[in-house]
Amino acid sequence: MKKTSITSVSADKHRPGKTDWPRVEQRTDAEIEQAMREDADWADLVDIDWSEAEVVVPPRKKAISIRIDEDVLSFFKRPGSGYQKRINAVLRGYVRHRLREVKKRA
């Protein structure tokens, strides 16, 4: 590969961001909540009671090689990126179902 085709990019950690922090610090909680209510991206999250929320650490992933029928793989890839997460979610659902069955028998 020619040296001229290599691009080097570094993040400047000392460059200030675009956030107007003095303006943010002057806003009250009520003003922030009102702004959230008016923002379509936040509207559904404003009235959620987060007081009993728990931090959930997802289990570690293990990289494996697995053989899957082409049509099955195509099905999971069709909606776009994230197909491995979708496959994992289906497998997790199966595991939970089977574990509930085992508990019922015990």
PDB file of N, CA and C in Angstrom:
ATOM      1  N   MET A   1       0.849  -1.173   0.000  1.00  0.00           N
ATOM      2  CA  MET A   1       0.000   0.000   0.000  1.00  0.00           C
ATOM      3  C   MET A   1       0.894   1.236   0.000  1.00  0.00           C
ATOM      4  N   LYS A   2       0.552   2.211  -0.798  1.00  0.00           N
ATOM      5  CA  LYS A   2       1.328   3.436  -0.866  1.00  0.00           C
ATOM      6  C   LYS A   2       1.096   4.279   0.381  1.00  0.00           C
ATOM      7  N   LYS A   3       2.156   4.912   0.838  1.00  0.00           N
ATOM      8  CA  LYS A   3       2.058   5.749   2.025  1.00  0.00           C
ATOM      9  C   LYS A   3       1.068   6.891   1.824  1.00  0.00           C
ATOM     10  N   THR A   4       0.928   7.375   0.589  1.00  0.00           N
ATOM     11  CA  THR A   4       0.023   8.493   0.319  1.00  0.00           C
ATOM     12  C   THR A   4      -1.449   8.118   0.483  1.00  0.00           C
ATOM     13  N   SER A   5      -1.773   6.830   0.488  1.00  0.00           N
ATOM     14  CA  SER A   5      -3.173   6.429   0.614  1.00  0.00           C
ATOM     15  C   SER A   5      -3.581   6.209   2.067  1.00  0.00           C
ATOM     16  N   ILE A   6      -2.654   6.375   2.988  1.00  0.00           N
ATOM     17  CA  ILE A   6      -2.962   6.178   4.411  1.00  0.00           C
ATOM     18  C   ILE A   6      -3.324   7.522   5.030  1.00  0.00           C
ATOM     19  N   THR A   7      -4.451   7.549   5.712  1.00  0.00           N
ATOM     20  CA  THR A   7      -4.892   8.772   6.371  1.00  0.00           C
ATOM     21  C   THR A   7      -4.796   8.577   7.876  1.00  0.00           C
ATOM     22  N   SER A   8      -4.221   9.526   8.541  1.00  0.00           N
ATOM     23  CA  SER A   8      -4.084   9.465   9.993  1.00  0.00           C
ATOM     24  C   SER A   8      -4.999  10.506  10.617  1.00  0.00           C
ATOM     25  N   VAL A   9      -5.793  10.078  11.606  1.00  0.00           N
ATOM     26  CA  VAL A   9      -6.715  10.984  12.269  1.00  0.00           C
ATOM     27  C   VAL A   9      -6.507  10.843  13.764  1.00  0.00           C
ATOM     28  N   SER A  10      -6.446  11.958  14.463  1.00  0.00           N
ATOM     29  CA  SER A  10      -6.334  11.903  15.914  1.00  0.00           C
ATOM     30  C   SER A  10      -7.367  12.828  16.519  1.00  0.00           C
ATOM     31  N   ALA A  11      -7.861  12.434  17.670  1.00  0.00           N
ATOM     32  CA  ALA A  11      -8.860  13.245  18.352  1.00  0.00           C
ATOM     33  C   ALA A  11      -8.154  14.292  19.200  1.00  0.00           C
ATOM     34  N   ASP A  12      -8.573  15.530  19.052  1.00  0.00           N
ATOM     35  CA  ASP A  12      -8.000  16.607  19.854  1.00  0.00           C
ATOM     36  C   ASP A  12      -8.825  16.704  21.129  1.00  0.00           C
ATOM     37  N   LYS A  13      -8.300  16.169  22.216  1.00  0.00           N
ATOM     38  CA  LYS A  13      -9.036  16.131  23.481  1.00  0.00           C
ATOM     39  C   LYS A  13      -9.158  17.503  24.123  1.00  0.00           C
ATOM     40  N   HIS A  14      -8.362  18.456  23.674  1.00  0.00           N
ATOM     41  CA  HIS A  14      -8.373  19.776  24.288  1.00  0.00           C
ATOM     42  C   HIS A  14      -9.272  20.758  23.547  1.00  0.00           C
ATOM     43  N   ARG A  15      -9.829  20.323  22.439  1.00  0.00           N
ATOM     44  CA  ARG A  15     -10.713  21.195  21.678  1.00  0.00           C
ATOM     45  C   ARG A  15     -12.047  21.295  22.416  1.00  0.00           C
ATOM     46  N   PRO A  16     -12.553  22.490  22.627  1.00  0.00           N
ATOM     47  CA  PRO A  16     -13.819  22.619  23.357  1.00  0.00           C
ATOM     48  C   PRO A  16     -14.981  22.076  22.529  1.00  0.00           C
ATOM     49  N   GLY A  17     -15.975  21.528  23.231  1.00  0.00           N
ATOM     50  CA  GLY A  17     -17.164  21.023  22.560  1.00  0.00           C
ATOM     51  C   GLY A  17     -18.088  22.158  22.169  1.00  0.00           C
ATOM     52  N   LYS A  18     -19.242  21.813  21.644  1.00  0.00           N
ATOM     53  CA  LYS A  18     -20.196  22.821  21.190  1.00  0.00           C
ATOM     54  C   LYS A  18     -21.253  23.140  22.244  1.00  0.00           C
ATOM     55  N   THR A  19     -21.201  22.456  23.384  1.00  0.00           N
ATOM     56  CA  THR A  19     -22.197  22.675  24.424  1.00  0.00           C
ATOM     57  C   THR A  19     -21.947  23.990  25.142  1.00  0.00           C
ATOM     58  N   ASP A  20     -22.996  24.763  25.323  1.00  0.00           N
ATOM     59  CA  ASP A  20     -22.918  26.036  26.048  1.00  0.00           C
ATOM     60  C   ASP A  20     -23.175  25.731  27.525  1.00  0.00           C
ATOM     61  N   TRP A  21     -22.130  25.278  28.229  1.00  0.00           N
ATOM     62  CA  TRP A  21     -22.276  24.831  29.609  1.00  0.00           C
ATOM     63  C   TRP A  21     -22.786  25.904  30.561  1.00  0.00           C
ATOM     64  N   PRO A  22     -22.338  27.145  30.469  1.00  0.00           N
ATOM     65  CA  PRO A  22     -22.909  28.166  31.375  1.00  0.00           C
ATOM     66  C   PRO A  22     -24.430  28.279  31.214  1.00  0.00           C
ATOM     67  N   ARG A  23     -24.926  28.193  29.974  1.00  0.00           N
ATOM     68  CA  ARG A  23     -26.374  28.257  29.733  1.00  0.00           C
ATOM     69  C   ARG A  23     -27.071  27.030  30.323  1.00  0.00           C
ATOM     70  N   VAL A  24     -26.460  25.862  30.163  1.00  0.00           N
ATOM     71  CA  VAL A  24     -27.042  24.631  30.698  1.00  0.00           C
ATOM     72  C   VAL A  24     -27.122  24.713  32.228  1.00  0.00           C
ATOM     73  N   GLU A  25     -26.064  25.177  32.855  1.00  0.00           N
ATOM     74  CA  GLU A  25     -26.018  25.254  34.324  1.00  0.00           C
ATOM     75  C   GLU A  25     -27.032  26.233  34.892  1.00  0.00           C
ATOM     76  N   GLN A  26     -27.488  27.210  34.095  1.00  0.00           N
ATOM     77  CA  GLN A  26     -28.469  28.183  34.568  1.00  0.00           C
ATOM     78  C   GLN A  26     -29.898  27.640  34.529  1.00  0.00           C
ATOM     79  N   ARG A  27     -30.118  26.561  33.781  1.00  0.00           N
ATOM     80  CA  ARG A  27     -31.474  26.017  33.640  1.00  0.00           C
ATOM     81  C   ARG A  27     -31.874  25.245  34.885  1.00  0.00           C
ATOM     82  N   THR A  28     -33.130  25.395  35.264  1.00  0.00           N
ATOM     83  CA  THR A  28     -33.661  24.649  36.402  1.00  0.00           C
ATOM     84  C   THR A  28     -34.089  23.264  35.930  1.00  0.00           C
ATOM     85  N   ASP A  29     -34.311  22.370  36.889  1.00  0.00           N
ATOM     86  CA  ASP A  29     -34.793  21.026  36.539  1.00  0.00           C
ATOM     87  C   ASP A  29     -36.126  21.109  35.803  1.00  0.00           C
ATOM     88  N   ALA A  30     -36.992  22.047  36.233  1.00  0.00           N
ATOM     89  CA  ALA A  30     -38.302  22.195  35.595  1.00  0.00           C
ATOM     90  C   ALA A  30     -38.144  22.643  34.135  1.00  0.00           C
ATOM     91  N   GLU A  31     -37.203  23.545  33.877  1.00  0.00           N
ATOM     92  CA  GLU A  31     -36.970  23.999  32.509  1.00  0.00           C
ATOM     93  C   GLU A  31     -36.425  22.861  31.638  1.00  0.00           C
ATOM     94  N   ILE A  32     -35.545  22.074  32.213  1.00  0.00           N
ATOM     95  CA  ILE A  32     -34.991  20.934  31.472  1.00  0.00           C
ATOM     96  C   ILE A  32     -36.090  19.932  31.165  1.00  0.00           C
ATOM     97  N   GLU A  33     -36.941  19.657  32.159  1.00  0.00           N
ATOM     98  CA  GLU A  33     -38.039  18.711  31.944  1.00  0.00           C
ATOM     99  C   GLU A  33     -39.003  19.226  30.878  1.00  0.00           C
ATOM    100  N   GLN A  34     -39.296  20.517  30.892  1.00  0.00           N
ATOM    101  CA  GLN A  34     -40.184  21.103  29.878  1.00  0.00           C
ATOM    102  C   GLN A  34     -39.572  20.979  28.491  1.00  0.00           C
ATOM    103  N   ALA A  35     -38.280  21.239  28.385  1.00  0.00           N
ATOM    104  CA  ALA A  35     -37.600  21.116  27.092  1.00  0.00           C
ATOM    105  C   ALA A  35     -37.655  19.678  26.595  1.00  0.00           C
ATOM    106  N   MET A  36     -37.531  18.730  27.513  1.00  0.00           N
ATOM    107  CA  MET A  36     -37.617  17.320  27.137  1.00  0.00           C
ATOM    108  C   MET A  36     -39.016  16.978  26.634  1.00  0.00           C
ATOM    109  N   ARG A  37     -40.037  17.507  27.320  1.00  0.00           N
ATOM    110  CA  ARG A  37     -41.420  17.237  26.893  1.00  0.00           C
ATOM    111  C   ARG A  37     -41.683  17.760  25.486  1.00  0.00           C
ATOM    112  N   GLU A  38     -41.036  18.863  25.132  1.00  0.00           N
ATOM    113  CA  GLU A  38     -41.240  19.467  23.827  1.00  0.00           C
ATOM    114  C   GLU A  38     -40.394  18.811  22.734  1.00  0.00           C
ATOM    115  N   ASP A  39     -39.438  17.993  23.124  1.00  0.00           N
ATOM    116  CA  ASP A  39     -38.548  17.319  22.172  1.00  0.00           C
ATOM    117  C   ASP A  39     -39.128  15.942  21.853  1.00  0.00           C
ATOM    118  N   ALA A  40     -39.478  15.708  20.605  1.00  0.00           N
ATOM    119  CA  ALA A  40     -40.111  14.443  20.204  1.00  0.00           C
ATOM    120  C   ALA A  40     -39.252  13.224  20.547  1.00  0.00           C
ATOM    121  N   ASP A  41     -37.939  13.379  20.546  1.00  0.00           N
ATOM    122  CA  ASP A  41     -37.061  12.249  20.858  1.00  0.00           C
ATOM    123  C   ASP A  41     -37.122  11.859  22.327  1.00  0.00           C
ATOM    124  N   TRP A  42     -37.528  12.768  23.203  1.00  0.00           N
ATOM    125  CA  TRP A  42     -37.563  12.499  24.645  1.00  0.00           C
ATOM    126  C   TRP A  42     -38.972  12.343  25.189  1.00  0.00           C
ATOM    127  N   ALA A  43     -39.979  12.682  24.415  1.00  0.00           N
ATOM    128  CA  ALA A  43     -41.355  12.746  24.902  1.00  0.00           C
ATOM    129  C   ALA A  43     -41.802  11.474  25.628  1.00  0.00           C
ATOM    130  N   ASP A  44     -41.445  10.318  25.124  1.00  0.00           N
ATOM    131  CA  ASP A  44     -41.888   9.060  25.732  1.00  0.00           C
ATOM    132  C   ASP A  44     -41.137   8.728  27.011  1.00  0.00           C
ATOM    133  N   LEU A  45     -40.026   9.387  27.283  1.00  0.00           N
ATOM    134  CA  LEU A  45     -39.193   9.047  28.436  1.00  0.00           C
ATOM    135  C   LEU A  45     -39.380   9.967  29.622  1.00  0.00           C
ATOM    136  N   VAL A  46     -40.104  11.057  29.463  1.00  0.00           N
ATOM    137  CA  VAL A  46     -40.221  12.055  30.520  1.00  0.00           C
ATOM    138  C   VAL A  46     -40.968  11.522  31.728  1.00  0.00           C
ATOM    139  N   ASP A  47     -42.055  10.808  31.529  1.00  0.00           N
ATOM    140  CA  ASP A  47     -42.905  10.390  32.644  1.00  0.00           C
ATOM    141  C   ASP A  47     -42.569   9.014  33.205  1.00  0.00           C
ATOM    142  N   ILE A  48     -41.423   8.465  32.864  1.00  0.00           N
ATOM    143  CA  ILE A  48     -41.025   7.170  33.394  1.00  0.00           C
ATOM    144  C   ILE A  48     -40.471   7.351  34.803  1.00  0.00           C
ATOM    145  N   ASP A  49     -40.898   6.493  35.732  1.00  0.00           N
ATOM    146  CA  ASP A  49     -40.378   6.537  37.103  1.00  0.00           C
ATOM    147  C   ASP A  49     -39.082   5.741  37.138  1.00  0.00           C
ATOM    148  N   TRP A  50     -37.964   6.446  37.215  1.00  0.00           N
ATOM    149  CA  TRP A  50     -36.648   5.809  37.189  1.00  0.00           C
ATOM    150  C   TRP A  50     -36.148   5.480  38.603  1.00  0.00           C
ATOM    151  N   SER A  51     -36.959   5.738  39.650  1.00  0.00           N
ATOM    152  CA  SER A  51     -36.472   5.585  41.024  1.00  0.00           C
ATOM    153  C   SER A  51     -36.081   4.151  41.372  1.00  0.00           C
ATOM    154  N   GLU A  52     -36.681   3.175  40.709  1.00  0.00           N
ATOM    155  CA  GLU A  52     -36.346   1.783  41.007  1.00  0.00           C
ATOM    156  C   GLU A  52     -35.583   1.116  39.863  1.00  0.00           C
ATOM    157  N   ALA A  53     -35.008   1.932  38.999  1.00  0.00           N
ATOM    158  CA  ALA A  53     -34.239   1.393  37.877  1.00  0.00           C
ATOM    159  C   ALA A  53     -32.994   0.689  38.391  1.00  0.00           C
ATOM    160  N   GLU A  54     -32.625  -0.380  37.734  1.00  0.00           N
ATOM    161  CA  GLU A  54     -31.432  -1.134  38.097  1.00  0.00           C
ATOM    162  C   GLU A  54     -30.437  -1.099  36.956  1.00  0.00           C
ATOM    163  N   VAL A  55     -29.186  -1.066  37.321  1.00  0.00           N
ATOM    164  CA  VAL A  55     -28.144  -1.159  36.309  1.00  0.00           C
ATOM    165  C   VAL A  55     -27.976  -2.631  35.979  1.00  0.00           C
ATOM    166  N   VAL A  56     -28.114  -2.959  34.713  1.00  0.00           N
ATOM    167  CA  VAL A  56     -27.982  -4.346  34.277  1.00  0.00           C
ATOM    168  C   VAL A  56     -26.722  -4.452  33.431  1.00  0.00           C
ATOM    169  N   VAL A  57     -25.801  -5.269  33.883  1.00  0.00           N
ATOM    170  CA  VAL A  57     -24.576  -5.491  33.130  1.00  0.00           C
ATOM    171  C   VAL A  57     -24.810  -6.698  32.231  1.00  0.00           C
ATOM    172  N   PRO A  58     -24.754  -6.496  30.916  1.00  0.00           N
ATOM    173  CA  PRO A  58     -25.005  -7.628  30.026  1.00  0.00           C
ATOM    174  C   PRO A  58     -23.915  -8.681  30.169  1.00  0.00           C
ATOM    175  N   PRO A  59     -24.283  -9.933  29.999  1.00  0.00           N
ATOM    176  CA  PRO A  59     -23.277 -10.980  30.086  1.00  0.00           C
ATOM    177  C   PRO A  59     -22.227 -10.825  28.986  1.00  0.00           C
ATOM    178  N   ARG A  60     -21.050 -11.323  29.275  1.00  0.00           N
ATOM    179  CA  ARG A  60     -19.976 -11.251  28.284  1.00  0.00           C
ATOM    180  C   ARG A  60     -20.335 -12.080  27.062  1.00  0.00           C
ATOM    181  N   LYS A  61     -19.893 -11.616  25.941  1.00  0.00           N
ATOM    182  CA  LYS A  61     -20.112 -12.350  24.691  1.00  0.00           C
ATOM    183  C   LYS A  61     -18.895 -13.227  24.424  1.00  0.00           C
ATOM    184  N   LYS A  62     -19.126 -14.325  23.751  1.00  0.00           N
ATOM    185  CA  LYS A  62     -18.069 -15.248  23.373  1.00  0.00           C
ATOM    186  C   LYS A  62     -18.085 -15.373  21.865  1.00  0.00           C
ATOM    187  N   ALA A  63     -16.968 -15.062  21.226  1.00  0.00           N
ATOM    188  CA  ALA A  63     -16.877 -15.184  19.775  1.00  0.00           C
ATOM    189  C   ALA A  63     -16.752 -16.661  19.412  1.00  0.00           C
ATOM    190  N   ILE A  64     -17.643 -17.103  18.529  1.00  0.00           N
ATOM    191  CA  ILE A  64     -17.623 -18.499  18.090  1.00  0.00           C
ATOM    192  C   ILE A  64     -17.826 -18.550  16.582  1.00  0.00           C
ATOM    193  N   SER A  65     -17.655 -19.715  16.039  1.00  0.00           N
ATOM    194  CA  SER A  65     -17.999 -19.951  14.647  1.00  0.00           C
ATOM    195  C   SER A  65     -19.151 -20.939  14.663  1.00  0.00           C
ATOM    196  N   ILE A  66     -20.210 -20.617  13.937  1.00  0.00           N
ATOM    197  CA  ILE A  66     -21.392 -21.474  13.942  1.00  0.00           C
ATOM    198  C   ILE A  66     -21.920 -21.585  12.514  1.00  0.00           C
ATOM    199  N   ARG A  67     -22.406 -22.752  12.171  1.00  0.00           N
ATOM    200  CA  ARG A  67     -22.949 -22.961  10.834  1.00  0.00           C
ATOM    201  C   ARG A  67     -24.469 -22.836  10.921  1.00  0.00           C
ATOM    202  N   ILE A  68     -25.003 -21.925  10.111  1.00  0.00           N
ATOM    203  CA  ILE A  68     -26.441 -21.653  10.104  1.00  0.00           C
ATOM    204  C   ILE A  68     -26.928 -21.763   8.664  1.00  0.00           C
ATOM    205  N   ASP A  69     -28.095 -22.328   8.490  1.00  0.00           N
ATOM    206  CA  ASP A  69     -28.682 -22.417   7.151  1.00  0.00           C
ATOM    207  C   ASP A  69     -28.754 -21.030   6.526  1.00  0.00           C
ATOM    208  N   GLU A  70     -28.492 -20.958   5.222  1.00  0.00           N
ATOM    209  CA  GLU A  70     -28.461 -19.679   4.513  1.00  0.00           C
ATOM    210  C   GLU A  70     -29.755 -18.896   4.664  1.00  0.00           C
ATOM    211  N   ASP A  71     -30.898 -19.590   4.540  1.00  0.00           N
ATOM    212  CA  ASP A  71     -32.171 -18.886   4.614  1.00  0.00           C
ATOM    213  C   ASP A  71     -32.427 -18.317   6.006  1.00  0.00           C
ATOM    214  N   VAL A  72     -31.964 -19.033   7.032  1.00  0.00           N
ATOM    215  CA  VAL A  72     -32.120 -18.544   8.408  1.00  0.00           C
ATOM    216  C   VAL A  72     -31.267 -17.299   8.606  1.00  0.00           C
ATOM    217  N   LEU A  73     -30.030 -17.348   8.158  1.00  0.00           N
ATOM    218  CA  LEU A  73     -29.137 -16.202   8.282  1.00  0.00           C
ATOM    219  C   LEU A  73     -29.689 -15.007   7.502  1.00  0.00           C
ATOM    220  N   SER A  74     -30.192 -15.248   6.298  1.00  0.00           N
ATOM    221  CA  SER A  74     -30.775 -14.178   5.491  1.00  0.00           C
ATOM    222  C   SER A  74     -31.948 -13.529   6.209  1.00  0.00           C
ATOM    223  N   PHE A  75     -32.752 -14.345   6.872  1.00  0.00           N
ATOM    224  CA  PHE A  75     -33.900 -13.822   7.623  1.00  0.00           C
ATOM    225  C   PHE A  75     -33.446 -12.833   8.687  1.00  0.00           C
ATOM    226  N   PHE A  76     -32.401 -13.192   9.435  1.00  0.00           N
ATOM    227  CA  PHE A  76     -31.928 -12.326  10.514  1.00  0.00           C
ATOM    228  C   PHE A  76     -31.182 -11.101   9.982  1.00  0.00           C
ATOM    229  N   LYS A  77     -30.565 -11.207   8.819  1.00  0.00           N
ATOM    230  CA  LYS A  77     -29.840 -10.074   8.238  1.00  0.00           C
ATOM    231  C   LYS A  77     -30.762  -9.094   7.517  1.00  0.00           C
ATOM    232  N   ARG A  78     -31.940  -9.556   7.101  1.00  0.00           N
ATOM    233  CA  ARG A  78     -32.832  -8.744   6.274  1.00  0.00           C
ATOM    234  C   ARG A  78     -33.154  -7.374   6.869  1.00  0.00           C
ATOM    235  N   PRO A  79     -33.446  -7.240   8.161  1.00  0.00           N
ATOM    236  CA  PRO A  79     -33.782  -5.906   8.699  1.00  0.00           C
ATOM    237  C   PRO A  79     -32.607  -4.933   8.742  1.00  0.00           C
ATOM    238  N   GLY A  80     -31.400  -5.413   8.542  1.00  0.00           N
ATOM    239  CA  GLY A  80     -30.239  -4.523   8.565  1.00  0.00           C
ATOM    240  C   GLY A  80     -29.232  -4.944   9.620  1.00  0.00           C
ATOM    241  N   SER A  81     -28.379  -3.999   9.997  1.00  0.00           N
ATOM    242  CA  SER A  81     -27.314  -4.331  10.942  1.00  0.00           C
ATOM    243  C   SER A  81     -27.904  -4.801  12.277  1.00  0.00           C
ATOM    244  N   GLY A  82     -27.121  -5.557  13.007  1.00  0.00           N
ATOM    245  CA  GLY A  82     -27.559  -6.073  14.297  1.00  0.00           C
ATOM    246  C   GLY A  82     -28.068  -7.500  14.252  1.00  0.00           C
ATOM    247  N   TYR A  83     -27.791  -8.207  13.167  1.00  0.00           N
ATOM    248  CA  TYR A  83     -28.345  -9.562  13.042  1.00  0.00           C
ATOM    249  C   TYR A  83     -27.816 -10.495  14.122  1.00  0.00           C
ATOM    250  N   GLN A  84     -26.561 -10.316  14.549  1.00  0.00           N
ATOM    251  CA  GLN A  84     -26.018 -11.184  15.598  1.00  0.00           C
ATOM    252  C   GLN A  84     -26.752 -10.953  16.911  1.00  0.00           C
ATOM    253  N   LYS A  85     -27.106  -9.710  17.201  1.00  0.00           N
ATOM    254  CA  LYS A  85     -27.878  -9.410  18.414  1.00  0.00           C
ATOM    255  C   LYS A  85     -29.258 -10.048  18.336  1.00  0.00           C
ATOM    256  N   ARG A  86     -29.862 -10.012  17.143  1.00  0.00           N
ATOM    257  CA  ARG A  86     -31.184 -10.631  16.995  1.00  0.00           C
ATOM    258  C   ARG A  86     -31.114 -12.138  17.197  1.00  0.00           C
ATOM    259  N   ILE A  87     -30.104 -12.761  16.615  1.00  0.00           N
ATOM    260  CA  ILE A  87     -29.939 -14.213  16.809  1.00  0.00           C
ATOM    261  C   ILE A  87     -29.733 -14.514  18.281  1.00  0.00           C
ATOM    262  N   ASN A  88     -28.891 -13.725  18.956  1.00  0.00           N
ATOM    263  CA  ASN A  88     -28.638 -13.926  20.379  1.00  0.00           C
ATOM    264  C   ASN A  88     -29.927 -13.777  21.194  1.00  0.00           C
ATOM    265  N   ALA A  89     -30.753 -12.778  20.840  1.00  0.00           N
ATOM    266  CA  ALA A  89     -32.008 -12.560  21.564  1.00  0.00           C
ATOM    267  C   ALA A  89     -32.949 -13.749  21.419  1.00  0.00           C
ATOM    268  N   VAL A  90     -33.018 -14.311  20.216  1.00  0.00           N
ATOM    269  CA  VAL A  90     -33.875 -15.479  19.994  1.00  0.00           C
ATOM    270  C   VAL A  90     -33.356 -16.667  20.816  1.00  0.00           C
ATOM    271  N   LEU A  91     -32.053 -16.874  20.796  1.00  0.00           N
ATOM    272  CA  LEU A  91     -31.477 -17.972  21.571  1.00  0.00           C
ATOM    273  C   LEU A  91     -31.688 -17.759  23.071  1.00  0.00           C
ATOM    274  N   ARG A  92     -31.549 -16.520  23.538  1.00  0.00           N
ATOM    275  CA  ARG A  92     -31.781 -16.225  24.955  1.00  0.00           C
ATOM    276  C   ARG A  92     -33.230 -16.505  25.327  1.00  0.00           C
ATOM    277  N   GLY A  93     -34.166 -16.134  24.449  1.00  0.00           N
ATOM    278  CA  GLY A  93     -35.578 -16.432  24.698  1.00  0.00           C
ATOM    279  C   GLY A  93     -35.816 -17.933  24.819  1.00  0.00           C
ATOM    280  N   TYR A  94     -35.182 -18.703  23.961  1.00  0.00           N
ATOM    281  CA  TYR A  94     -35.303 -20.169  24.013  1.00  0.00           C
ATOM    282  C   TYR A  94     -34.757 -20.698  25.332  1.00  0.00           C
ATOM    283  N   VAL A  95     -33.589 -20.206  25.736  1.00  0.00           N
ATOM    284  CA  VAL A  95     -32.974 -20.666  26.993  1.00  0.00           C
ATOM    285  C   VAL A  95     -33.890 -20.346  28.169  1.00  0.00           C
ATOM    286  N   ARG A  96     -34.419 -19.136  28.225  1.00  0.00           N
ATOM    287  CA  ARG A  96     -35.318 -18.762  29.336  1.00  0.00           C
ATOM    288  C   ARG A  96     -36.555 -19.638  29.359  1.00  0.00           C
ATOM    289  N   HIS A  97     -37.117 -19.902  28.192  1.00  0.00           N
ATOM    290  CA  HIS A  97     -38.298 -20.766  28.106  1.00  0.00           C
ATOM    291  C   HIS A  97     -37.985 -22.161  28.662  1.00  0.00           C
ATOM    292  N   ARG A  98     -36.863 -22.719  28.225  1.00  0.00           N
ATOM    293  CA  ARG A  98     -36.489 -24.060  28.689  1.00  0.00           C
ATOM    294  C   ARG A  98     -36.221 -24.082  30.183  1.00  0.00           C
ATOM    295  N   LEU A  99     -35.579 -23.042  30.708  1.00  0.00           N
ATOM    296  CA  LEU A  99     -35.314 -22.986  32.149  1.00  0.00           C
ATOM    297  C   LEU A  99     -36.602 -22.898  32.961  1.00  0.00           C
ATOM    298  N   ARG A 100     -37.600 -22.158  32.434  1.00  0.00           N
ATOM    299  CA  ARG A 100     -38.899 -22.095  33.123  1.00  0.00           C
ATOM    300  C   ARG A 100     -39.557 -23.470  33.130  1.00  0.00           C
ATOM    301  N   GLU A 101     -39.450 -24.207  32.022  1.00  0.00           N
ATOM    302  CA  GLU A 101     -40.001 -25.564  31.957  1.00  0.00           C
ATOM    303  C   GLU A 101     -39.347 -26.458  32.995  1.00  0.00           C
ATOM    304  N   VAL A 102     -38.050 -26.346  33.134  1.00  0.00           N
ATOM    305  CA  VAL A 102     -37.319 -27.180  34.106  1.00  0.00           C
ATOM    306  C   VAL A 102     -37.762 -26.843  35.523  1.00  0.00           C
ATOM    307  N   LYS A 103     -37.952 -25.547  35.815  1.00  0.00           N
ATOM    308  CA  LYS A 103     -38.394 -25.129  37.153  1.00  0.00           C
ATOM    309  C   LYS A 103     -39.791 -25.673  37.455  1.00  0.00           C
ATOM    310  N   LYS A 104     -40.673 -25.684  36.441  1.00  0.00           N
ATOM    311  CA  LYS A 104     -42.028 -26.176  36.641  1.00  0.00           C
ATOM    312  C   LYS A 104     -42.024 -27.651  37.025  1.00  0.00           C
ATOM    313  N   ARG A 105     -41.121 -28.404  36.431  1.00  0.00           N
ATOM    314  CA  ARG A 105     -41.052 -29.848  36.695  1.00  0.00           C
ATOM    315  C   ARG A 105     -40.437 -30.147  38.054  1.00  0.00           C
ATOM    316  N   ALA A 106     -39.656 -29.219  38.559  1.00  0.00           N
ATOM    317  CA  ALA A 106     -38.946 -29.457  39.837  1.00  0.00           C
ATOM    318  C   ALA A 106     -39.823 -29.258  41.041  1.00  0.00           C
TER     319      ALA A 106
END
